[in-house]
Amino acid sequence: MNGPTALTLSLLMLAGLALGSGGVWMMLKRHDHKRGWLMIIAATVMFVNVAIWTVPVK
């Protein structure tokens, strides 16, 4: 994997962690379950995208 691709995947992972933790915080502290679940779903989509891009192709 080259530099820009690795940087992009790293940023996606950091953004996914931020979205996931923000979604949990939104649900627990602010009691805004709708936005919290949407943030968690967005984080999951980011993690799945990173997983798809990093799976080796035969």
Protein backbone atom coordinates (compact mmCIF):
# COMPACT_ATOMS: atom_id res chain seq x y z
CA MET A 1 0.00 0.00 0.00
CA ASN A 2 1.40 3.39 -0.91
CA GLY A 3 1.59 6.46 1.31
CA PRO A 4 -1.58 8.35 0.36
CA THR A 5 -3.71 5.21 0.57
CA ALA A 6 -2.34 4.31 3.99
CA LEU A 7 -2.90 7.87 5.20
CA THR A 8 -6.49 7.86 3.94
CA LEU A 9 -7.26 4.54 5.62
CA SER A 10 -5.70 5.76 8.86
CA LEU A 11 -7.82 8.92 8.77
CA LEU A 12 -10.94 6.83 8.10
CA MET A 13 -10.18 4.69 11.15
CA LEU A 14 -9.68 7.76 13.34
CA ALA A 15 -12.89 9.33 12.02
CA GLY A 16 -14.74 6.07 12.66
CA LEU A 17 -13.51 5.96 16.23
CA ALA A 18 -14.54 9.57 16.76
CA LEU A 19 -17.98 8.97 15.25
CA GLY A 20 -18.53 5.78 17.23
CA SER A 21 -17.55 7.28 20.56
CA GLY A 22 -19.50 10.43 19.77
CA GLY A 23 -22.56 8.35 18.97
CA VAL A 24 -22.34 6.49 22.27
CA TRP A 25 -21.85 9.79 24.12
CA MET A 26 -24.82 11.28 22.27
CA MET A 27 -27.03 8.39 23.31
CA LEU A 28 -25.92 8.19 26.94
CA LYS A 29 -25.40 11.83 27.94
CA ARG A 30 -27.59 13.86 25.59
CA HIS A 31 -30.35 11.22 25.25
CA ASP A 32 -30.50 11.82 21.52
CA HIS A 33 -30.84 8.22 20.36
CA LYS A 34 -31.64 8.95 16.72
CA ARG A 35 -28.47 10.96 16.07
CA GLY A 36 -26.44 8.59 18.21
CA TRP A 37 -27.46 5.56 16.15
CA LEU A 38 -26.83 7.43 12.91
CA MET A 39 -23.29 8.26 14.07
CA ILE A 40 -22.67 4.65 15.07
CA ILE A 41 -23.94 3.42 11.69
CA ALA A 42 -21.69 5.91 9.88
CA ALA A 43 -18.72 4.66 11.92
CA THR A 44 -19.58 1.06 11.04
CA VAL A 45 -19.70 1.95 7.35
CA MET A 46 -16.25 3.51 7.63
CA PHE A 47 -14.84 0.42 9.36
CA VAL A 48 -16.34 -1.88 6.72
CA ASN A 49 -14.87 0.26 3.93
CA VAL A 50 -11.42 0.03 5.51
CA ALA A 51 -11.83 -3.73 5.89
CA ILE A 52 -12.82 -4.09 2.23
CA TRP A 53 -9.83 -2.06 1.05
CA THR A 54 -7.34 -3.98 3.18
CA VAL A 55 -8.44 -7.53 2.31
CA PRO A 56 -5.81 -9.10 0.05
CA VAL A 57 -6.94 -10.04 -3.46
CA LYS A 58 -5.83 -13.35 -4.93
